[in-house]
Amino acid sequence: MNAKSQKVVIKPFTVDHIREQLKLDVEGSETVPAILEEGMKRKTEFWKQFAQGEEFLGFMAYYRDVPLGFINLLRASFVSYLFPEFKRSDTLHVENKCLYVPSPYVEEHPQESREIYDALLSAAVQYAKENGFVGISGIAWQDGVYRPDKSTYERHGFKVVHAFPEYKIYTVASYPIKQLKVQSPKIRKDRASVVTFGPPSCPFSLAAKDIAEKACHNLPHVEYEYVDVWEKPKKALELGFPGTGPLTIVDGKFLYWAANTTPETLRQRIIQHLKERGLF
């Protein structure tokens, strides 16, 4: 199945396209750190294992013959960490950053990026209808914060299911769904809990873990934990996981997405949190 939207050409995405997709993940990076290379390898292995012979995994977008975006479509019942309300065999799910156009391109070419997002979502919605799925769920960013934002999904009939204002994200769906039962982590009086939620399907999970471990090293009254959300979905939800990552929090409060900080900066933020709680 191919689809066109002006200059955008949409083609099916399979396991064979993973390396091409990974190049978009690190678009703009002149050199790729070893830990990110390891994360990319981990993502490749994850997808190959997850696919288990399935050829179709979503769509790639080509703009003027250059690969510039993708959307990964997973059967929702296969995604272990989803909120129970989303886990249905007749729906599809788009993980965070799995409807994707590289940030540098989005900033320089907003109109073309919009065309790419729209072409990918149109192809996904059409695929769902043609293959007996009742709809698609996903993650949208607060308008003006990042892409794809809420308005991107709303143009294709999606509605907000739950808002996470502290993370500036929304869960969205193109089909009716009940309000999510979101849990809040328990706060201990004697220490702060720093948690990184890391899906193996994202190449930045290992880098996020490395940053948090270095930031927390030898800090008093701090307990750090890395949670693989695919392996420990129940625990992730109990700790306040909003359904997407990599994400690092402290006592249920947002610290940073993916690997978008340094150990030194993060350490200072954690120390400030400890001071506010009277633990430092």
C-alpha atoms as a PDB file:
ATOM      1  CA  MET A   1       0.000   0.000   0.000  1.00  0.00           C
ATOM      2  CA  ASN A   2       1.452   3.344  -1.065  1.00  0.00           C
ATOM      3  CA  ALA A   3      -0.116   6.717  -0.409  1.00  0.00           C
ATOM      4  CA  LYS A   4       0.699  10.211  -1.622  1.00  0.00           C
ATOM      5  CA  SER A   5       0.011  13.625  -0.122  1.00  0.00           C
ATOM      6  CA  GLN A   6       1.472  16.186  -2.518  1.00  0.00           C
ATOM      7  CA  LYS A   7       5.224  15.499  -2.273  1.00  0.00           C
ATOM      8  CA  VAL A   8       4.920  12.935   0.557  1.00  0.00           C
ATOM      9  CA  VAL A   9       5.109   9.255  -0.363  1.00  0.00           C
ATOM     10  CA  ILE A  10       4.085   6.688   2.250  1.00  0.00           C
ATOM     11  CA  LYS A  11       5.374   3.113   2.135  1.00  0.00           C
ATOM     12  CA  PRO A  12       4.928   0.137   4.486  1.00  0.00           C
ATOM     13  CA  PHE A  13       7.525  -0.189   7.234  1.00  0.00           C
ATOM     14  CA  THR A  14       8.989  -3.614   8.056  1.00  0.00           C
ATOM     15  CA  VAL A  15      11.828  -4.955  10.201  1.00  0.00           C
ATOM     16  CA  ASP A  16      14.127  -4.402   7.223  1.00  0.00           C
ATOM     17  CA  HIS A  17      13.632  -0.638   7.594  1.00  0.00           C
ATOM     18  CA  ILE A  18      14.729  -0.429  11.237  1.00  0.00           C
ATOM     19  CA  ARG A  19      18.207   0.887  10.480  1.00  0.00           C
ATOM     20  CA  GLU A  20      16.720   3.570   8.260  1.00  0.00           C
ATOM     21  CA  GLN A  21      14.351   4.506  11.071  1.00  0.00           C
ATOM     22  CA  LEU A  22      17.161   4.643  13.616  1.00  0.00           C
ATOM     23  CA  LYS A  23      19.035   7.136  11.459  1.00  0.00           C
ATOM     24  CA  LEU A  24      16.057   9.460  11.823  1.00  0.00           C
ATOM     25  CA  ASP A  25      16.114   8.968  15.616  1.00  0.00           C
ATOM     26  CA  VAL A  26      19.580  10.519  15.800  1.00  0.00           C
ATOM     27  CA  GLU A  27      19.118  13.031  12.972  1.00  0.00           C
ATOM     28  CA  GLY A  28      21.405  16.020  13.419  1.00  0.00           C
ATOM     29  CA  SER A  29      23.985  14.169  15.529  1.00  0.00           C
ATOM     30  CA  GLU A  30      27.427  14.283  13.942  1.00  0.00           C
ATOM     31  CA  THR A  31      28.640  11.472  16.177  1.00  0.00           C
ATOM     32  CA  VAL A  32      26.631   8.837  17.997  1.00  0.00           C
ATOM     33  CA  PRO A  33      27.776   8.028  21.564  1.00  0.00           C
ATOM     34  CA  ALA A  34      28.531   4.394  22.323  1.00  0.00           C
ATOM     35  CA  ILE A  35      25.619   4.150  24.754  1.00  0.00           C
ATOM     36  CA  LEU A  36      23.218   5.371  22.067  1.00  0.00           C
ATOM     37  CA  GLU A  37      24.689   2.869  19.613  1.00  0.00           C
ATOM     38  CA  GLU A  38      23.933   0.200  22.216  1.00  0.00           C
ATOM     39  CA  GLY A  39      20.415   1.570  22.576  1.00  0.00           C
ATOM     40  CA  MET A  40      19.938   1.431  18.807  1.00  0.00           C
ATOM     41  CA  LYS A  41      21.136  -2.177  18.783  1.00  0.00           C
ATOM     42  CA  ARG A  42      18.742  -2.956  21.632  1.00  0.00           C
ATOM     43  CA  LYS A  43      15.851  -1.382  19.745  1.00  0.00           C
ATOM     44  CA  THR A  44      16.687  -3.409  16.638  1.00  0.00           C
ATOM     45  CA  GLU A  45      16.757  -6.647  18.621  1.00  0.00           C
ATOM     46  CA  PHE A  46      13.505  -5.719  20.349  1.00  0.00           C
ATOM     47  CA  TRP A  47      11.677  -5.050  17.095  1.00  0.00           C
ATOM     48  CA  LYS A  48      12.928  -8.241  15.477  1.00  0.00           C
ATOM     49  CA  GLN A  49      11.769 -10.240  18.482  1.00  0.00           C
ATOM     50  CA  PHE A  50       8.498  -8.347  18.700  1.00  0.00           C
ATOM     51  CA  ALA A  51       7.735  -8.749  15.004  1.00  0.00           C
ATOM     52  CA  GLN A  52       8.045 -12.554  15.123  1.00  0.00           C
ATOM     53  CA  GLY A  53       7.646 -12.893  11.393  1.00  0.00           C
ATOM     54  CA  GLU A  54       5.147 -10.054  11.028  1.00  0.00           C
ATOM     55  CA  GLU A  55       6.127  -8.046   7.990  1.00  0.00           C
ATOM     56  CA  PHE A  56       4.080  -4.899   8.572  1.00  0.00           C
ATOM     57  CA  LEU A  57       5.029  -2.624  11.480  1.00  0.00           C
ATOM     58  CA  GLY A  58       3.803   0.751  10.247  1.00  0.00           C
ATOM     59  CA  PHE A  59       4.713   3.286   7.579  1.00  0.00           C
ATOM     60  CA  MET A  60       7.739   5.281   6.445  1.00  0.00           C
ATOM     61  CA  ALA A  61       7.342   8.738   4.914  1.00  0.00           C
ATOM     62  CA  TYR A  62       9.507   9.939   2.043  1.00  0.00           C
ATOM     63  CA  TYR A  63       9.535  13.603   1.125  1.00  0.00           C
ATOM     64  CA  ARG A  64      11.124  14.227  -2.270  1.00  0.00           C
ATOM     65  CA  ASP A  65      12.538  10.682  -2.089  1.00  0.00           C
ATOM     66  CA  VAL A  66      14.255  11.324   1.272  1.00  0.00           C
ATOM     67  CA  PRO A  67      13.093   9.322   4.351  1.00  0.00           C
ATOM     68  CA  LEU A  68      11.821  11.942   6.793  1.00  0.00           C
ATOM     69  CA  GLY A  69       9.326  10.287   9.108  1.00  0.00           C
ATOM     70  CA  PHE A  70       7.655   7.130  10.310  1.00  0.00           C
ATOM     71  CA  ILE A  71       4.769   5.745  12.320  1.00  0.00           C
ATOM     72  CA  ASN A  72       4.947   2.408  14.128  1.00  0.00           C
ATOM     73  CA  LEU A  73       1.650   0.607  14.665  1.00  0.00           C
ATOM     74  CA  LEU A  74       1.456  -2.049  17.368  1.00  0.00           C
ATOM     75  CA  ARG A  75      -1.519  -4.224  18.197  1.00  0.00           C
ATOM     76  CA  ALA A  76      -2.567  -2.710  21.534  1.00  0.00           C
ATOM     77  CA  SER A  77      -3.053  -6.067  23.239  1.00  0.00           C
ATOM     78  CA  PHE A  78       0.648  -6.831  22.628  1.00  0.00           C
ATOM     79  CA  VAL A  79       1.902  -3.702  24.423  1.00  0.00           C
ATOM     80  CA  SER A  80       2.373  -4.930  27.979  1.00  0.00           C
ATOM     81  CA  TYR A  81       2.675  -1.548  29.719  1.00  0.00           C
ATOM     82  CA  LEU A  82      -0.492   0.096  28.383  1.00  0.00           C
ATOM     83  CA  PHE A  83      -3.265   1.166  30.714  1.00  0.00           C
ATOM     84  CA  PRO A  84      -5.820  -1.678  30.906  1.00  0.00           C
ATOM     85  CA  GLU A  85      -8.416   0.507  29.183  1.00  0.00           C
ATOM     86  CA  PHE A  86      -6.247   0.526  26.047  1.00  0.00           C
ATOM     87  CA  LYS A  87      -5.327  -3.163  25.922  1.00  0.00           C
ATOM     88  CA  ARG A  88      -7.634  -4.488  23.215  1.00  0.00           C
ATOM     89  CA  SER A  89      -6.951  -6.946  20.418  1.00  0.00           C
ATOM     90  CA  ASP A  90      -9.027  -4.904  17.962  1.00  0.00           C
ATOM     91  CA  THR A  91      -7.087  -1.625  18.320  1.00  0.00           C
ATOM     92  CA  LEU A  92      -3.629  -0.333  17.418  1.00  0.00           C
ATOM     93  CA  HIS A  93      -1.250   1.791  19.476  1.00  0.00           C
ATOM     94  CA  VAL A  94       1.410   4.343  18.534  1.00  0.00           C
ATOM     95  CA  GLU A  95       4.177   4.637  21.111  1.00  0.00           C
ATOM     96  CA  ASN A  96       5.657   8.025  21.972  1.00  0.00           C
ATOM     97  CA  LYS A  97       8.121   9.183  19.300  1.00  0.00           C
ATOM     98  CA  CYS A  98       6.756   6.486  17.005  1.00  0.00           C
ATOM     99  CA  LEU A  99       4.892   9.065  14.979  1.00  0.00           C
ATOM    100  CA  TYR A 100       8.067  10.913  14.233  1.00  0.00           C
ATOM    101  CA  VAL A 101       9.743  13.549  12.120  1.00  0.00           C
ATOM    102  CA  PRO A 102      13.233  14.691  13.261  1.00  0.00           C
ATOM    103  CA  SER A 103      13.116  17.829  15.419  1.00  0.00           C
ATOM    104  CA  PRO A 104      15.634  19.816  13.321  1.00  0.00           C
ATOM    105  CA  TYR A 105      13.476  19.261  10.246  1.00  0.00           C
ATOM    106  CA  VAL A 106      10.285  20.205  12.117  1.00  0.00           C
ATOM    107  CA  GLU A 107      11.849  23.473  13.264  1.00  0.00           C
ATOM    108  CA  GLU A 108      13.153  24.397   9.817  1.00  0.00           C
ATOM    109  CA  HIS A 109      10.210  23.127   7.752  1.00  0.00           C
ATOM    110  CA  PRO A 110       6.996  23.329   9.821  1.00  0.00           C
ATOM    111  CA  GLN A 111       4.598  23.184   6.856  1.00  0.00           C
ATOM    112  CA  GLU A 112       6.320  20.231   5.205  1.00  0.00           C
ATOM    113  CA  SER A 113       6.458  18.471   8.586  1.00  0.00           C
ATOM    114  CA  ARG A 114       2.721  18.939   8.997  1.00  0.00           C
ATOM    115  CA  GLU A 115       2.191  17.318   5.593  1.00  0.00           C
ATOM    116  CA  ILE A 116       4.332  14.359   6.641  1.00  0.00           C
ATOM    117  CA  TYR A 117       2.496  13.883   9.954  1.00  0.00           C
ATOM    118  CA  ASP A 118      -0.864  14.115   8.202  1.00  0.00           C
ATOM    119  CA  ALA A 119       0.143  11.653   5.496  1.00  0.00           C
ATOM    120  CA  LEU A 120       1.393   9.136   8.072  1.00  0.00           C
ATOM    121  CA  LEU A 121      -1.718   9.415  10.248  1.00  0.00           C
ATOM    122  CA  SER A 122      -4.009   9.198   7.225  1.00  0.00           C
ATOM    123  CA  ALA A 123      -2.265   6.012   6.129  1.00  0.00           C
ATOM    124  CA  ALA A 124      -2.512   4.582   9.655  1.00  0.00           C
ATOM    125  CA  VAL A 125      -6.227   5.366   9.991  1.00  0.00           C
ATOM    126  CA  GLN A 126      -6.904   3.867   6.565  1.00  0.00           C
ATOM    127  CA  TYR A 127      -4.910   0.750   7.434  1.00  0.00           C
ATOM    128  CA  ALA A 128      -6.866   0.305  10.678  1.00  0.00           C
ATOM    129  CA  LYS A 129     -10.203   0.546   8.865  1.00  0.00           C
ATOM    130  CA  GLU A 130      -9.175  -1.832   6.087  1.00  0.00           C
ATOM    131  CA  ASN A 131      -7.886  -4.452   8.522  1.00  0.00           C
ATOM    132  CA  GLY A 132     -10.743  -4.637  11.004  1.00  0.00           C
ATOM    133  CA  PHE A 133      -9.377  -2.455  13.816  1.00  0.00           C
ATOM    134  CA  VAL A 134     -11.833  -0.156  15.585  1.00  0.00           C
ATOM    135  CA  GLY A 135      -9.248   2.566  16.102  1.00  0.00           C
ATOM    136  CA  ILE A 136      -5.835   3.764  17.231  1.00  0.00           C
ATOM    137  CA  SER A 137      -4.474   5.153  20.505  1.00  0.00           C
ATOM    138  CA  GLY A 138      -1.329   7.190  21.037  1.00  0.00           C
ATOM    139  CA  ILE A 139       0.549   9.957  22.825  1.00  0.00           C
ATOM    140  CA  ALA A 140       0.280  13.639  21.880  1.00  0.00           C
ATOM    141  CA  TRP A 141       2.238  16.602  23.193  1.00  0.00           C
ATOM    142  CA  GLN A 142       0.771  19.819  24.502  1.00  0.00           C
ATOM    143  CA  ASP A 143       0.300  22.230  21.603  1.00  0.00           C
ATOM    144  CA  GLY A 144       3.415  24.315  21.008  1.00  0.00           C
ATOM    145  CA  VAL A 145       5.656  22.119  23.173  1.00  0.00           C
ATOM    146  CA  TYR A 146       6.711  19.386  20.779  1.00  0.00           C
ATOM    147  CA  ARG A 147       5.397  17.387  17.871  1.00  0.00           C
ATOM    148  CA  PRO A 148       3.151  15.640  17.163  1.00  0.00           C
ATOM    149  CA  ASP A 149       0.920  17.825  19.294  1.00  0.00           C
ATOM    150  CA  LYS A 150      -2.720  17.402  20.215  1.00  0.00           C
ATOM    151  CA  SER A 151      -3.956  19.319  17.184  1.00  0.00           C
ATOM    152  CA  THR A 152      -2.089  16.920  14.872  1.00  0.00           C
ATOM    153  CA  TYR A 153      -4.162  14.005  16.121  1.00  0.00           C
ATOM    154  CA  GLU A 154      -7.381  16.018  16.340  1.00  0.00           C
ATOM    155  CA  ARG A 155      -7.199  16.736  12.608  1.00  0.00           C
ATOM    156  CA  HIS A 156      -7.676  12.989  12.117  1.00  0.00           C
ATOM    157  CA  GLY A 157     -10.571  12.471  14.498  1.00  0.00           C
ATOM    158  CA  PHE A 158      -8.652  11.605  17.670  1.00  0.00           C
ATOM    159  CA  LYS A 159      -9.867  12.856  21.043  1.00  0.00           C
ATOM    160  CA  VAL A 160      -8.059  13.370  24.347  1.00  0.00           C
ATOM    161  CA  VAL A 161      -8.565  10.495  26.782  1.00  0.00           C
ATOM    162  CA  HIS A 162      -6.424  11.788  29.641  1.00  0.00           C
ATOM    163  CA  ALA A 163      -4.246  14.853  30.210  1.00  0.00           C
ATOM    164  CA  PHE A 164      -0.922  14.734  32.068  1.00  0.00           C
ATOM    165  CA  PRO A 165      -0.217  18.464  32.555  1.00  0.00           C
ATOM    166  CA  GLU A 166       2.961  17.864  34.581  1.00  0.00           C
ATOM    167  CA  TYR A 167       4.443  16.027  31.591  1.00  0.00           C
ATOM    168  CA  LYS A 168       2.747  18.219  28.956  1.00  0.00           C
ATOM    169  CA  ILE A 169       1.318  15.179  27.192  1.00  0.00           C
ATOM    170  CA  TYR A 170      -2.057  13.621  26.452  1.00  0.00           C
ATOM    171  CA  THR A 171      -3.217  10.113  25.755  1.00  0.00           C
ATOM    172  CA  VAL A 172      -5.421  10.207  22.667  1.00  0.00           C
ATOM    173  CA  ALA A 173      -7.617   7.737  20.815  1.00  0.00           C
ATOM    174  CA  SER A 174      -9.678   7.628  17.643  1.00  0.00           C
ATOM    175  CA  TYR A 175     -12.353   5.478  19.322  1.00  0.00           C
ATOM    176  CA  PRO A 176     -14.492   5.911  22.479  1.00  0.00           C
ATOM    177  CA  ILE A 177     -12.723   4.908  25.683  1.00  0.00           C
ATOM    178  CA  LYS A 178     -13.369   5.197  29.410  1.00  0.00           C
ATOM    179  CA  GLN A 179     -11.391   7.557  31.631  1.00  0.00           C
ATOM    180  CA  LEU A 180      -8.036   6.067  32.589  1.00  0.00           C
ATOM    181  CA  LYS A 181      -7.364   4.963  36.153  1.00  0.00           C
ATOM    182  CA  VAL A 182      -4.007   6.632  36.739  1.00  0.00           C
ATOM    183  CA  GLN A 183      -2.088   5.705  39.888  1.00  0.00           C
ATOM    184  CA  SER A 184       0.119   7.979  41.982  1.00  0.00           C
ATOM    185  CA  PRO A 185       3.345   6.661  43.528  1.00  0.00           C
ATOM    186  CA  LYS A 186       3.632   6.346  47.298  1.00  0.00           C
ATOM    187  CA  ILE A 187       5.965   8.946  48.821  1.00  0.00           C
ATOM    188  CA  ARG A 188       8.300   7.795  51.586  1.00  0.00           C
ATOM    189  CA  LYS A 189       9.023  10.165  54.466  1.00  0.00           C
ATOM    190  CA  ASP A 190      12.682   9.233  54.851  1.00  0.00           C
ATOM    191  CA  ARG A 191      13.872   9.311  51.246  1.00  0.00           C
ATOM    192  CA  ALA A 192      13.209  10.447  47.703  1.00  0.00           C
ATOM    193  CA  SER A 193      12.525   7.980  44.928  1.00  0.00           C
ATOM    194  CA  VAL A 194      14.009   8.640  41.482  1.00  0.00           C
ATOM    195  CA  VAL A 195      12.660   6.385  38.743  1.00  0.00           C
ATOM    196  CA  THR A 196      13.483   6.097  35.053  1.00  0.00           C
ATOM    197  CA  PHE A 197      10.823   4.432  32.918  1.00  0.00           C
ATOM    198  CA  GLY A 198      12.561   2.913  29.904  1.00  0.00           C
ATOM    199  CA  PRO A 199      10.912   1.137  26.987  1.00  0.00           C
ATOM    200  CA  PRO A 200      13.399  -1.075  25.082  1.00  0.00           C
ATOM    201  CA  SER A 201      11.719   0.107  21.884  1.00  0.00           C
ATOM    202  CA  CYS A 202      13.416   3.511  22.336  1.00  0.00           C
ATOM    203  CA  PRO A 203      17.173   3.852  21.659  1.00  0.00           C
ATOM    204  CA  PHE A 204      17.488   6.606  24.295  1.00  0.00           C
ATOM    205  CA  SER A 205      16.396   4.466  27.271  1.00  0.00           C
ATOM    206  CA  LEU A 206      19.897   3.292  28.177  1.00  0.00           C
ATOM    207  CA  ALA A 207      21.266   6.839  27.938  1.00  0.00           C
ATOM    208  CA  ALA A 208      18.470   8.077  30.212  1.00  0.00           C
ATOM    209  CA  LYS A 209      19.360   5.379  32.735  1.00  0.00           C
ATOM    210  CA  ASP A 210      23.059   6.261  32.608  1.00  0.00           C
ATOM    211  CA  ILE A 211      22.371   9.957  33.260  1.00  0.00           C
ATOM    212  CA  ALA A 212      20.098   9.245  36.223  1.00  0.00           C
ATOM    213  CA  GLU A 213      22.467   6.713  37.793  1.00  0.00           C
ATOM    214  CA  LYS A 214      25.354   9.180  37.659  1.00  0.00           C
ATOM    215  CA  ALA A 215      23.202  11.993  39.033  1.00  0.00           C
ATOM    216  CA  CYS A 216      21.980   9.909  41.975  1.00  0.00           C
ATOM    217  CA  HIS A 217      25.355   8.393  42.855  1.00  0.00           C
ATOM    218  CA  ASN A 218      26.136   8.877  46.566  1.00  0.00           C
ATOM    219  CA  LEU A 219      23.274  11.317  47.097  1.00  0.00           C
ATOM    220  CA  PRO A 220      21.876  10.907  50.623  1.00  0.00           C
ATOM    221  CA  HIS A 221      18.267   9.814  51.078  1.00  0.00           C
ATOM    222  CA  VAL A 222      17.852   8.971  47.396  1.00  0.00           C
ATOM    223  CA  GLU A 223      16.736   5.633  46.020  1.00  0.00           C
ATOM    224  CA  TYR A 224      17.125   5.112  42.267  1.00  0.00           C
ATOM    225  CA  GLU A 225      15.381   2.510  40.138  1.00  0.00           C
ATOM    226  CA  TYR A 226      15.258   1.789  36.420  1.00  0.00           C
ATOM    227  CA  VAL A 227      12.040   0.127  35.285  1.00  0.00           C
ATOM    228  CA  ASP A 228      11.831  -1.653  31.937  1.00  0.00           C
ATOM    229  CA  VAL A 229       8.182  -0.932  31.225  1.00  0.00           C
ATOM    230  CA  TRP A 230       7.787  -3.931  28.927  1.00  0.00           C
ATOM    231  CA  GLU A 231       9.158  -6.371  31.517  1.00  0.00           C
ATOM    232  CA  LYS A 232       7.523  -4.788  34.585  1.00  0.00           C
ATOM    233  CA  PRO A 233       4.361  -3.049  33.344  1.00  0.00           C
ATOM    234  CA  LYS A 234       2.390  -3.439  36.575  1.00  0.00           C
ATOM    235  CA  LYS A 235       5.175  -1.927  38.650  1.00  0.00           C
ATOM    236  CA  ALA A 236       5.585   0.920  36.157  1.00  0.00           C
ATOM    237  CA  LEU A 237       1.913   1.859  36.415  1.00  0.00           C
ATOM    238  CA  GLU A 238       2.026   1.617  40.228  1.00  0.00           C
ATOM    239  CA  LEU A 239       4.925   4.090  40.226  1.00  0.00           C
ATOM    240  CA  GLY A 240       2.972   6.635  38.190  1.00  0.00           C
ATOM    241  CA  PHE A 241       4.070   5.773  34.651  1.00  0.00           C
ATOM    242  CA  PRO A 242       1.986   7.951  32.269  1.00  0.00           C
ATOM    243  CA  GLY A 243       2.165   5.473  29.419  1.00  0.00           C
ATOM    244  CA  THR A 244       5.264   6.697  27.619  1.00  0.00           C
ATOM    245  CA  GLY A 245       8.999   7.131  28.028  1.00  0.00           C
ATOM    246  CA  PRO A 246      11.935   7.246  28.471  1.00  0.00           C
ATOM    247  CA  LEU A 247      10.964   9.440  31.389  1.00  0.00           C
ATOM    248  CA  THR A 248      12.638  10.154  34.731  1.00  0.00           C
ATOM    249  CA  ILE A 249      10.699  11.356  37.772  1.00  0.00           C
ATOM    250  CA  VAL A 250      11.363  12.057  41.447  1.00  0.00           C
ATOM    251  CA  ASP A 251       8.581  11.280  43.926  1.00  0.00           C
ATOM    252  CA  GLY A 252       6.114  11.381  41.053  1.00  0.00           C
ATOM    253  CA  LYS A 253       7.345  14.754  39.770  1.00  0.00           C
ATOM    254  CA  PHE A 254       8.757  15.288  36.299  1.00  0.00           C
ATOM    255  CA  LEU A 255      12.540  15.576  35.877  1.00  0.00           C
ATOM    256  CA  TYR A 256      13.318  15.032  32.180  1.00  0.00           C
ATOM    257  CA  TRP A 257      12.403  13.210  29.003  1.00  0.00           C
ATOM    258  CA  ALA A 258      14.718  10.743  27.259  1.00  0.00           C
ATOM    259  CA  ALA A 259      18.351  11.864  27.640  1.00  0.00           C
ATOM    260  CA  ASN A 260      17.732  15.608  27.363  1.00  0.00           C
ATOM    261  CA  THR A 261      19.897  16.693  30.302  1.00  0.00           C
ATOM    262  CA  THR A 262      23.291  16.117  31.907  1.00  0.00           C
ATOM    263  CA  PRO A 263      24.115  14.249  35.136  1.00  0.00           C
ATOM    264  CA  GLU A 264      25.291  17.512  36.717  1.00  0.00           C
ATOM    265  CA  THR A 265      22.108  19.414  35.883  1.00  0.00           C
ATOM    266  CA  LEU A 266      19.916  16.550  37.012  1.00  0.00           C
ATOM    267  CA  ARG A 267      21.863  16.169  40.256  1.00  0.00           C
ATOM    268  CA  GLN A 268      21.216  19.809  41.127  1.00  0.00           C
ATOM    269  CA  ARG A 269      17.501  19.397  40.445  1.00  0.00           C
ATOM    270  CA  ILE A 270      17.347  16.353  42.706  1.00  0.00           C
ATOM    271  CA  ILE A 271      19.258  18.186  45.455  1.00  0.00           C
ATOM    272  CA  GLN A 272      16.787  21.065  45.206  1.00  0.00           C
ATOM    273  CA  HIS A 273      13.942  18.567  45.577  1.00  0.00           C
ATOM    274  CA  LEU A 274      15.638  17.052  48.635  1.00  0.00           C
ATOM    275  CA  LYS A 275      16.011  20.507  50.201  1.00  0.00           C
ATOM    276  CA  GLU A 276      12.337  21.238  49.617  1.00  0.00           C
ATOM    277  CA  ARG A 277      11.501  18.021  51.449  1.00  0.00           C
ATOM    278  CA  GLY A 278      13.984  18.702  54.262  1.00  0.00           C
ATOM    279  CA  LEU A 279      16.147  15.722  53.306  1.00  0.00           C
ATOM    280  CA  PHE A 280      19.339  17.582  52.401  1.00  0.00           C
END
